[in-house]
Structure formats: C-alpha cells, structure tokens
C-alpha atoms as a PDB file:
ATOM      1  CA  MET A   1      21.666  50.687 -22.881  1.00  0.00           C
ATOM      2  CA  LYS A   2      25.334  50.782 -21.866  1.00  0.00           C
ATOM      3  CA  LEU A   3      26.989  49.254 -18.785  1.00  0.00           C
ATOM      4  CA  ILE A   4      30.701  49.675 -18.044  1.00  0.00           C
ATOM      5  CA  ILE A   5      32.438  47.294 -15.627  1.00  0.00           C
ATOM      6  CA  ALA A   6      36.224  46.951 -15.271  1.00  0.00           C
ATOM      7  CA  LYS A   7      37.119  48.261 -18.714  1.00  0.00           C
ATOM      8  CA  LEU A   8      34.344  46.125 -20.302  1.00  0.00           C
ATOM      9  CA  CYS A   9      31.371  47.732 -21.964  1.00  0.00           C
ATOM     10  CA  PHE A  10      28.048  45.935 -22.299  1.00  0.00           C
ATOM     11  CA  SER A  11      25.981  47.759 -24.920  1.00  0.00           C
ATOM     12  CA  PRO A  12      23.411  45.547 -26.675  1.00  0.00           C
ATOM     13  CA  ARG A  13      21.003  46.845 -29.241  1.00  0.00           C
ATOM     14  CA  LEU A  14      17.320  46.855 -28.363  1.00  0.00           C
ATOM     15  CA  LEU A  15      16.233  44.669 -31.287  1.00  0.00           C
ATOM     16  CA  THR A  16      19.010  42.140 -30.621  1.00  0.00           C
ATOM     17  CA  SER A  17      18.043  41.975 -26.951  1.00  0.00           C
ATOM     18  CA  LEU A  18      14.363  41.436 -27.733  1.00  0.00           C
ATOM     19  CA  LEU A  19      15.118  38.630 -30.190  1.00  0.00           C
ATOM     20  CA  ALA A  20      17.519  36.978 -27.762  1.00  0.00           C
ATOM     21  CA  LEU A  21      14.934  37.196 -24.963  1.00  0.00           C
ATOM     22  CA  VAL A  22      12.178  35.695 -27.120  1.00  0.00           C
ATOM     23  CA  PHE A  23      14.279  32.728 -28.236  1.00  0.00           C
ATOM     24  CA  PHE A  24      15.778  32.206 -24.777  1.00  0.00           C
ATOM     25  CA  CYS A  25      12.284  32.001 -23.238  1.00  0.00           C
ATOM     26  CA  LEU A  26      11.138  29.712 -26.056  1.00  0.00           C
ATOM     27  CA  PHE A  27      14.055  27.296 -25.535  1.00  0.00           C
ATOM     28  CA  VAL A  28      13.494  27.221 -21.772  1.00  0.00           C
ATOM     29  CA  PHE A  29       9.749  26.646 -22.256  1.00  0.00           C
ATOM     30  CA  LEU A  30      10.408  23.748 -24.656  1.00  0.00           C
ATOM     31  CA  GLY A  31      12.879  22.253 -22.192  1.00  0.00           C
ATOM     32  CA  PHE A  32      10.348  22.266 -19.345  1.00  0.00           C
ATOM     33  CA  TRP A  33       7.663  20.945 -21.722  1.00  0.00           C
ATOM     34  CA  GLN A  34       9.884  17.966 -22.525  1.00  0.00           C
ATOM     35  CA  LEU A  35      10.427  17.403 -18.803  1.00  0.00           C
ATOM     36  CA  ASP A  36       6.648  17.354 -18.344  1.00  0.00           C
ATOM     37  CA  ARG A  37       6.359  14.820 -21.181  1.00  0.00           C
ATOM     38  CA  ALA A  38       9.026  12.652 -19.541  1.00  0.00           C
ATOM     39  CA  ASP A  39       7.137  12.795 -16.235  1.00  0.00           C
ATOM     40  CA  TYR A  40       3.906  11.812 -18.023  1.00  0.00           C
ATOM     41  CA  LYS A  41       5.650   8.863 -19.690  1.00  0.00           C
ATOM     42  CA  ARG A  42       7.125   7.809 -16.342  1.00  0.00           C
ATOM     43  CA  THR A  43       3.672   7.822 -14.728  1.00  0.00           C
ATOM     44  CA  LEU A  44       2.135   5.983 -17.680  1.00  0.00           C
ATOM     45  CA  PHE A  45       4.785   3.263 -17.555  1.00  0.00           C
ATOM     46  CA  SER A  46       4.299   2.865 -13.804  1.00  0.00           C
ATOM     47  CA  GLU A  47       0.544   2.395 -14.281  1.00  0.00           C
ATOM     48  CA  PHE A  48       1.202  -0.059 -17.115  1.00  0.00           C
ATOM     49  CA  GLU A  49       3.529  -2.186 -14.966  1.00  0.00           C
ATOM     50  CA  THR A  50       1.061  -2.162 -12.066  1.00  0.00           C
ATOM     51  CA  ARG A  51      -1.883  -3.267 -14.240  1.00  0.00           C
ATOM     52  CA  GLN A  52       0.184  -5.894 -16.062  1.00  0.00           C
ATOM     53  CA  SER A  53       1.496  -7.413 -12.830  1.00  0.00           C
ATOM     54  CA  SER A  54      -2.025  -7.975 -11.492  1.00  0.00           C
ATOM     55  CA  GLY A  55      -2.669 -10.874 -13.907  1.00  0.00           C
ATOM     56  CA  ALA A  56      -5.340 -11.424 -16.543  1.00  0.00           C
ATOM     57  CA  ILE A  57      -9.042 -11.086 -15.815  1.00  0.00           C
ATOM     58  CA  SER A  58     -12.025 -12.375 -17.782  1.00  0.00           C
ATOM     59  CA  LEU A  59     -13.760  -9.586 -19.688  1.00  0.00           C
ATOM     60  CA  ASP A  60     -17.326 -10.812 -19.447  1.00  0.00           C
ATOM     61  CA  GLN A  61     -20.756  -9.249 -18.916  1.00  0.00           C
ATOM     62  CA  ASP A  62     -20.199  -8.758 -15.187  1.00  0.00           C
ATOM     63  CA  LYS A  63     -16.799  -7.112 -15.542  1.00  0.00           C
ATOM     64  CA  ILE A  64     -18.053  -4.820 -18.323  1.00  0.00           C
ATOM     65  CA  GLU A  65     -20.889  -3.601 -16.100  1.00  0.00           C
ATOM     66  CA  GLN A  66     -18.740  -3.293 -12.962  1.00  0.00           C
ATOM     67  CA  LEU A  67     -15.588  -1.640 -14.322  1.00  0.00           C
ATOM     68  CA  LYS A  68     -15.185   1.659 -16.123  1.00  0.00           C
ATOM     69  CA  LYS A  69     -12.711   2.208 -18.926  1.00  0.00           C
ATOM     70  CA  GLU A  70     -10.277   3.940 -16.556  1.00  0.00           C
ATOM     71  CA  ASP A  71     -10.263   0.826 -14.351  1.00  0.00           C
ATOM     72  CA  LEU A  72      -9.418  -1.430 -17.292  1.00  0.00           C
ATOM     73  CA  LEU A  73      -6.784   0.521 -19.221  1.00  0.00           C
ATOM     74  CA  TRP A  74      -3.630  -1.621 -19.658  1.00  0.00           C
ATOM     75  CA  GLN A  75      -5.237  -4.504 -17.791  1.00  0.00           C
ATOM     76  CA  THR A  76      -4.638  -7.888 -19.424  1.00  0.00           C
ATOM     77  CA  VAL A  77      -7.950  -9.561 -20.224  1.00  0.00           C
ATOM     78  CA  ASN A  78      -9.177 -12.877 -21.573  1.00  0.00           C
ATOM     79  CA  VAL A  79     -12.185 -12.528 -23.847  1.00  0.00           C
ATOM     80  CA  SER A  80     -14.336 -15.365 -25.130  1.00  0.00           C
ATOM     81  CA  GLY A  81     -16.391 -14.815 -28.256  1.00  0.00           C
ATOM     82  CA  GLN A  82     -16.286 -14.622 -32.028  1.00  0.00           C
ATOM     83  CA  PHE A  83     -14.735 -12.244 -34.535  1.00  0.00           C
ATOM     84  CA  LEU A  84     -17.191 -10.440 -36.796  1.00  0.00           C
ATOM     85  CA  GLU A  85     -15.050 -11.173 -39.821  1.00  0.00           C
ATOM     86  CA  GLN A  86     -17.364  -9.307 -42.180  1.00  0.00           C
ATOM     87  CA  TYR A  87     -15.780  -6.090 -40.856  1.00  0.00           C
ATOM     88  CA  GLN A  88     -12.025  -5.803 -41.247  1.00  0.00           C
ATOM     89  CA  ILE A  89     -10.706  -2.330 -40.394  1.00  0.00           C
ATOM     90  CA  LEU A  90      -7.241  -1.372 -41.683  1.00  0.00           C
ATOM     91  CA  LEU A  91      -5.611   1.580 -39.915  1.00  0.00           C
ATOM     92  CA  ASP A  92      -3.431   3.197 -42.581  1.00  0.00           C
ATOM     93  CA  ASN A  93       0.068   4.730 -42.366  1.00  0.00           C
ATOM     94  CA  GLN A  94       1.538   2.391 -39.766  1.00  0.00           C
ATOM     95  CA  VAL A  95       5.275   1.962 -40.378  1.00  0.00           C
ATOM     96  CA  GLU A  96       7.407  -0.804 -38.886  1.00  0.00           C
ATOM     97  CA  GLN A  97      11.125  -1.114 -39.618  1.00  0.00           C
ATOM     98  CA  GLY A  98      10.779   1.314 -42.494  1.00  0.00           C
ATOM     99  CA  GLN A  99       7.987  -0.661 -44.161  1.00  0.00           C
ATOM    100  CA  ALA A 100       4.490   0.741 -44.718  1.00  0.00           C
ATOM    101  CA  GLY A 101       1.597  -1.257 -43.363  1.00  0.00           C
ATOM    102  CA  TYR A 102      -1.694  -1.415 -41.498  1.00  0.00           C
ATOM    103  CA  TYR A 103      -2.902  -2.269 -38.027  1.00  0.00           C
ATOM    104  CA  VAL A 104      -5.802  -4.667 -38.487  1.00  0.00           C
ATOM    105  CA  TYR A 105      -8.852  -4.184 -36.258  1.00  0.00           C
ATOM    106  CA  THR A 106     -11.823  -6.551 -36.139  1.00  0.00           C
ATOM    107  CA  PRO A 107     -15.000  -6.272 -34.016  1.00  0.00           C
ATOM    108  CA  PHE A 108     -15.300  -9.145 -31.527  1.00  0.00           C
ATOM    109  CA  LYS A 109     -18.704 -10.281 -30.218  1.00  0.00           C
ATOM    110  CA  ILE A 110     -18.275 -11.234 -26.557  1.00  0.00           C
ATOM    111  CA  ASP A 111     -19.801 -14.601 -25.653  1.00  0.00           C
ATOM    112  CA  SER A 112     -23.078 -14.552 -23.669  1.00  0.00           C
ATOM    113  CA  SER A 113     -23.296 -10.797 -24.083  1.00  0.00           C
ATOM    114  CA  GLU A 114     -24.547  -8.150 -26.459  1.00  0.00           C
ATOM    115  CA  HIS A 115     -21.251  -6.265 -26.175  1.00  0.00           C
ATOM    116  CA  VAL A 116     -18.758  -5.960 -29.019  1.00  0.00           C
ATOM    117  CA  VAL A 117     -15.144  -4.857 -28.540  1.00  0.00           C
ATOM    118  CA  LEU A 118     -12.683  -3.799 -31.226  1.00  0.00           C
ATOM    119  CA  ILE A 119      -9.594  -6.039 -31.361  1.00  0.00           C
ATOM    120  CA  ASN A 120      -6.209  -4.851 -32.634  1.00  0.00           C
ATOM    121  CA  ARG A 121      -4.863  -8.018 -34.248  1.00  0.00           C
ATOM    122  CA  GLY A 122      -1.438  -6.651 -35.146  1.00  0.00           C
ATOM    123  CA  TRP A 123       0.528  -5.218 -38.053  1.00  0.00           C
ATOM    124  CA  LEU A 124       0.360  -6.273 -41.706  1.00  0.00           C
ATOM    125  CA  PRO A 125       2.429  -4.892 -44.651  1.00  0.00           C
ATOM    126  CA  VAL A 126       0.574  -2.982 -47.351  1.00  0.00           C
ATOM    127  CA  GLY A 127       2.001  -4.965 -50.284  1.00  0.00           C
ATOM    128  CA  ASN A 128       2.746  -3.737 -53.798  1.00  0.00           C
ATOM    129  CA  ASP A 129      -0.782  -2.559 -54.622  1.00  0.00           C
ATOM    130  CA  ARG A 130      -2.424  -0.147 -52.188  1.00  0.00           C
ATOM    131  CA  GLN A 131      -5.759  -0.543 -53.960  1.00  0.00           C
ATOM    132  CA  ALA A 132      -5.846  -4.292 -53.344  1.00  0.00           C
ATOM    133  CA  SER A 133      -7.048  -5.873 -50.130  1.00  0.00           C
ATOM    134  CA  PRO A 134      -4.223  -7.689 -48.259  1.00  0.00           C
ATOM    135  CA  GLN A 135      -4.437 -11.370 -47.399  1.00  0.00           C
ATOM    136  CA  LEU A 136      -6.227 -11.534 -44.051  1.00  0.00           C
ATOM    137  CA  VAL A 137      -6.584 -14.200 -41.370  1.00  0.00           C
ATOM    138  CA  THR A 138     -10.153 -15.271 -40.584  1.00  0.00           C
ATOM    139  CA  THR A 139     -11.385 -17.123 -37.512  1.00  0.00           C
ATOM    140  CA  ASN A 140     -14.987 -18.249 -37.838  1.00  0.00           C
ATOM    141  CA  SER A 141     -15.479 -20.014 -34.523  1.00  0.00           C
ATOM    142  CA  VAL A 142     -15.783 -19.156 -30.854  1.00  0.00           C
ATOM    143  CA  VAL A 143     -12.291 -18.503 -29.448  1.00  0.00           C
ATOM    144  CA  VAL A 144     -10.639 -17.031 -26.365  1.00  0.00           C
ATOM    145  CA  VAL A 145      -8.248 -14.177 -27.055  1.00  0.00           C
ATOM    146  CA  THR A 146      -5.863 -12.457 -24.654  1.00  0.00           C
ATOM    147  CA  GLY A 147      -4.895  -8.819 -24.882  1.00  0.00           C
ATOM    148  CA  ALA A 148      -4.400  -5.510 -23.117  1.00  0.00           C
ATOM    149  CA  VAL A 149      -7.182  -2.948 -22.855  1.00  0.00           C
ATOM    150  CA  LYS A 150      -6.264   0.350 -24.535  1.00  0.00           C
ATOM    151  CA  ASP A 151      -7.835   3.636 -25.342  1.00  0.00           C
ATOM    152  CA  GLU A 152      -8.462   4.244 -29.033  1.00  0.00           C
ATOM    153  CA  PRO A 153      -5.155   5.233 -30.693  1.00  0.00           C
ATOM    154  CA  LYS A 154      -4.334   8.868 -31.346  1.00  0.00           C
ATOM    155  CA  THR A 155      -3.020   9.346 -34.869  1.00  0.00           C
ATOM    156  CA  GLY A 156      -2.704  13.141 -34.920  1.00  0.00           C
ATOM    157  CA  MET A 157      -4.754  15.812 -36.632  1.00  0.00           C
ATOM    158  CA  LEU A 158      -6.226  15.065 -40.030  1.00  0.00           C
ATOM    159  CA  LEU A 159      -6.126  17.870 -42.576  1.00  0.00           C
ATOM    160  CA  LYS A 160      -9.621  16.990 -43.727  1.00  0.00           C
ATOM    161  CA  GLU A 161     -12.368  14.545 -42.923  1.00  0.00           C
ATOM    162  CA  ALA A 162     -11.313  11.177 -44.321  1.00  0.00           C
ATOM    163  CA  LEU A 163     -14.143   8.719 -44.916  1.00  0.00           C
ATOM    164  CA  PRO A 164     -13.453   4.956 -44.784  1.00  0.00           C
ATOM    165  CA  GLU A 165     -12.288   3.507 -48.105  1.00  0.00           C
ATOM    166  CA  THR A 166     -13.815   0.217 -49.237  1.00  0.00           C
ATOM    167  CA  LEU A 167     -11.176  -2.206 -50.516  1.00  0.00           C
ATOM    168  CA  SER A 168     -13.561  -5.179 -50.725  1.00  0.00           C
ATOM    169  CA  ASP A 169     -16.944  -6.272 -49.395  1.00  0.00           C
ATOM    170  CA  THR A 170     -15.474  -6.842 -45.929  1.00  0.00           C
ATOM    171  CA  VAL A 171     -12.305  -4.695 -45.809  1.00  0.00           C
ATOM    172  CA  TYR A 172     -12.278  -0.987 -44.986  1.00  0.00           C
ATOM    173  CA  ARG A 173      -9.277   1.340 -44.786  1.00  0.00           C
ATOM    174  CA  VAL A 174      -9.357   4.271 -42.348  1.00  0.00           C
ATOM    175  CA  GLN A 175      -6.969   7.075 -41.408  1.00  0.00           C
ATOM    176  CA  GLN A 176      -7.893   7.015 -37.723  1.00  0.00           C
ATOM    177  CA  ILE A 177      -9.687   4.760 -35.269  1.00  0.00           C
ATOM    178  CA  ASN A 178     -12.814   6.546 -34.114  1.00  0.00           C
ATOM    179  CA  ILE A 179     -15.087   4.225 -32.170  1.00  0.00           C
ATOM    180  CA  GLU A 180     -18.227   6.277 -32.759  1.00  0.00           C
ATOM    181  CA  GLU A 181     -17.658   6.324 -36.531  1.00  0.00           C
ATOM    182  CA  LEU A 182     -16.893   2.596 -36.595  1.00  0.00           C
ATOM    183  CA  GLN A 183     -20.142   1.905 -34.755  1.00  0.00           C
ATOM    184  CA  ASP A 184     -21.985   3.422 -37.704  1.00  0.00           C
ATOM    185  CA  LEU A 185     -19.855   1.478 -40.173  1.00  0.00           C
ATOM    186  CA  THR A 186     -20.354  -1.901 -38.489  1.00  0.00           C
ATOM    187  CA  GLY A 187     -23.859  -1.370 -37.111  1.00  0.00           C
ATOM    188  CA  THR A 188     -22.713  -2.525 -33.670  1.00  0.00           C
ATOM    189  CA  MET A 189     -22.452  -0.922 -30.233  1.00  0.00           C
ATOM    190  CA  LEU A 190     -18.723  -0.993 -29.577  1.00  0.00           C
ATOM    191  CA  LEU A 191     -17.235  -0.753 -26.106  1.00  0.00           C
ATOM    192  CA  PRO A 192     -15.408   2.577 -25.525  1.00  0.00           C
ATOM    193  CA  TYR A 193     -11.969   0.938 -25.635  1.00  0.00           C
ATOM    194  CA  ILE A 194     -10.055  -1.597 -27.673  1.00  0.00           C
ATOM    195  CA  VAL A 195      -8.202  -4.804 -26.833  1.00  0.00           C
ATOM    196  CA  ARG A 196      -4.701  -5.204 -28.277  1.00  0.00           C
ATOM    197  CA  LEU A 197      -3.707  -8.850 -28.643  1.00  0.00           C
ATOM    198  CA  VAL A 198      -0.657  -9.908 -26.659  1.00  0.00           C
ATOM    199  CA  ALA A 199       2.442 -10.803 -28.676  1.00  0.00           C
ATOM    200  CA  GLU A 200       2.070 -14.561 -28.206  1.00  0.00           C
ATOM    201  CA  SER A 201      -1.615 -14.597 -29.157  1.00  0.00           C
ATOM    202  CA  GLY A 202      -2.834 -16.300 -32.307  1.00  0.00           C
ATOM    203  CA  HIS A 203      -5.621 -15.059 -34.591  1.00  0.00           C
ATOM    204  CA  GLY A 204      -3.568 -12.107 -35.797  1.00  0.00           C
ATOM    205  CA  TYR A 205      -0.463 -10.690 -37.386  1.00  0.00           C
ATOM    206  CA  ARG A 206       2.897  -9.248 -36.355  1.00  0.00           C
ATOM    207  CA  LYS A 207       2.691  -7.941 -32.785  1.00  0.00           C
ATOM    208  CA  GLN A 208       5.840  -6.091 -31.722  1.00  0.00           C
ATOM    209  CA  TRP A 209       4.341  -3.720 -29.191  1.00  0.00           C
ATOM    210  CA  GLN A 210       6.174  -1.039 -27.256  1.00  0.00           C
ATOM    211  CA  ALA A 211       5.332  -0.536 -23.605  1.00  0.00           C
ATOM    212  CA  PRO A 212       3.528   2.767 -22.971  1.00  0.00           C
ATOM    213  CA  GLY A 213       5.800   5.374 -21.441  1.00  0.00           C
ATOM    214  CA  SER A 214       8.954   3.720 -22.786  1.00  0.00           C
ATOM    215  CA  GLY A 215      10.074   7.018 -24.379  1.00  0.00           C
ATOM    216  CA  GLU A 216      10.964   8.782 -21.100  1.00  0.00           C
ATOM    217  CA  SER A 217      14.709   8.888 -21.830  1.00  0.00           C
ATOM    218  CA  ARG A 218      14.084  10.386 -25.265  1.00  0.00           C
ATOM    219  CA  HIS A 219      12.143  13.295 -23.760  1.00  0.00           C
ATOM    220  CA  LEU A 220      14.861  13.844 -21.156  1.00  0.00           C
ATOM    221  CA  GLY A 221      17.388  14.016 -23.988  1.00  0.00           C
ATOM    222  CA  TYR A 222      15.251  16.571 -25.836  1.00  0.00           C
ATOM    223  CA  ALA A 223      14.940  18.635 -22.642  1.00  0.00           C
ATOM    224  CA  PHE A 224      18.716  18.684 -22.238  1.00  0.00           C
ATOM    225  CA  GLN A 225      19.090  19.856 -25.837  1.00  0.00           C
ATOM    226  CA  TRP A 226      16.636  22.741 -25.407  1.00  0.00           C
ATOM    227  CA  PHE A 227      18.273  23.884 -22.173  1.00  0.00           C
ATOM    228  CA  ALA A 228      21.668  23.650 -23.892  1.00  0.00           C
ATOM    229  CA  PHE A 229      20.365  25.837 -26.725  1.00  0.00           C
ATOM    230  CA  ALA A 230      19.175  28.399 -24.160  1.00  0.00           C
ATOM    231  CA  ALA A 231      22.558  28.412 -22.409  1.00  0.00           C
ATOM    232  CA  ALA A 232      24.440  28.682 -25.707  1.00  0.00           C
ATOM    233  CA  LEU A 233      22.228  31.564 -26.822  1.00  0.00           C
ATOM    234  CA  LEU A 234      22.887  33.416 -23.562  1.00  0.00           C
ATOM    235  CA  VAL A 235      26.655  32.966 -23.896  1.00  0.00           C
ATOM    236  CA  ILE A 236      26.643  34.094 -27.545  1.00  0.00           C
ATOM    237  CA  TYR A 237      24.500  37.113 -26.691  1.00  0.00           C
ATOM    238  CA  LEU A 238      26.906  38.204 -23.937  1.00  0.00           C
ATOM    239  CA  LEU A 239      30.021  37.633 -26.046  1.00  0.00           C
ATOM    240  CA  LEU A 240      28.650  39.640 -28.958  1.00  0.00           C
ATOM    241  CA  ASN A 241      27.631  42.572 -26.785  1.00  0.00           C
ATOM    242  CA  ILE A 242      30.529  42.848 -24.330  1.00  0.00           C
ATOM    243  CA  LYS A 243      33.470  44.820 -25.680  1.00  0.00           C
ATOM    244  CA  LYS A 244      36.705  45.980 -24.152  1.00  0.00           C
ATOM    245  CA  ILE A 245      37.009  49.746 -23.837  1.00  0.00           C
ATOM    246  CA  LYS A 246      39.838  51.114 -25.961  1.00  0.00           C
ATOM    247  CA  GLN A 247      42.731  52.796 -24.153  1.00  0.00           C
ATOM    248  CA  ASP A 248      42.433  56.085 -26.035  1.00  0.00           C
ATOM    249  CA  SER A 249      38.760  56.268 -25.019  1.00  0.00           C
ATOM    250  CA  GLU A 250      39.841  56.076 -21.388  1.00  0.00           C
ATOM    251  CA  ASP A 251      42.451  58.807 -21.800  1.00  0.00           C
ATOM    252  CA  GLU A 252      39.867  61.178 -23.163  1.00  0.00           C
END
C-alpha cells in the first residue's frame, strides 16, 4: 500500500501494519480493562462506606436466618460466642511490609446457636522455622468480638491441589481459604462468609486492613499507561512509514 500526500509517501509493509494493529488493539483493550477495574473498585468502596456507616449489628440466630450473605457483606457485626481453639487455620503466603506471614483463622461458635463462623484474627509472622507452629493466642471463654463480614478471600489460581498441612494437633496451614473444605477439616457447618476482626479488637494479631476498593487510583494510572503506549505506538508507526519523496523522483 502506498499513499502520496504533499510530497510525503506513506508506504507501510503488510507485516509491520498487522503487528502494529494487533499491539495497538491490545494496549487499548488493556486500558479500558483497567478503567473497568477502577469503576469496580469505586463501586466496592462506595458499598463499603455505606455498610460501615450504618453501625454494628448483632450477628445472632435471628439475623443469620433473616439476612443473606449479600446483605451482610462489609457490615460491621458484634458476635457473641466462643472460639473453637482446637482448629487454628493459617493462610500461607501473606506478606506485610516485606515480611512473610500468615492470616490466622479460627472457627467461632455463635452463642445460643448451632452456627459457626470463621474469624480472621489478623496477621502473624512466619518466624525462622516454617515447619514449626507459631505462638498463637487462645481464648477459652465466651467473648464478644467485633468485625466486618467478608466473602472468603481470593488468593489466585493454585497450580495443583494443595491439601492442608498439619503443623501440630490444632494448627493447620492452607494455601487458600475454602469454606467447604474447612467444613470437612473442622467437622462443623460454617457460615458462607467470614468475619474479619476490626483493628481495635482483641483476641487476635496485627490488623492493618485496607479498605476494599482503595486501589482505584492505581488502576486509573495503569489505564493511562496503556493508552499512552497505544498513542506512542501509533506515532512510531506513522514516523517509520512516512517518507519524503526525493526531488529526482518527482522530476522523473
């Protein structure tokens, strides 16, 4: 293909044009995908703020029967009951400030109910020996804990099925939190969500939580980068394929 305009000749090669088109479309697609992610984070943060501003509710037998998981997500709840300390679940590969650690989950038997909910008690460093069980907090009495209702965490795709590792009689290390699998491990009927202790709550470990949807600006930055790549590719493609017609070519 050759196009001549005002002593300028645009004559790209077919292969070059196809490659440029493929990468241009890819960069634009990734830019719009990041915009979609930013919009999702914005919506998620708005829902989080709305649920948090409504105040804490008591998660008891009545509320469990009345409200679905979707009605409770990010709602602050007070739960009375007792930790089933014979089951300590360590979620592996959780890094904070460059240090490897675990999120510690413990089943919690709700008072005056047959329901059990999984509690995220916070972050704990691994220590020098990964094969040793870390020093854990135990609470062997009826307590009231406060936390936010969450869906089970998504930790990405596992390359293979990873069974729970037994570090001691009561401590198990897992690569993902799967409520159905943990029901089999603990022999309890877990509620289909977890409760993440609030930062000021006792009965746990380090709790430096990020608000859901707080990464909106990061996705907007990524979108700008992808669109900039697309624009730069277009400019480079045009510059490499537009040439000035030589004078002697015109005279001929």
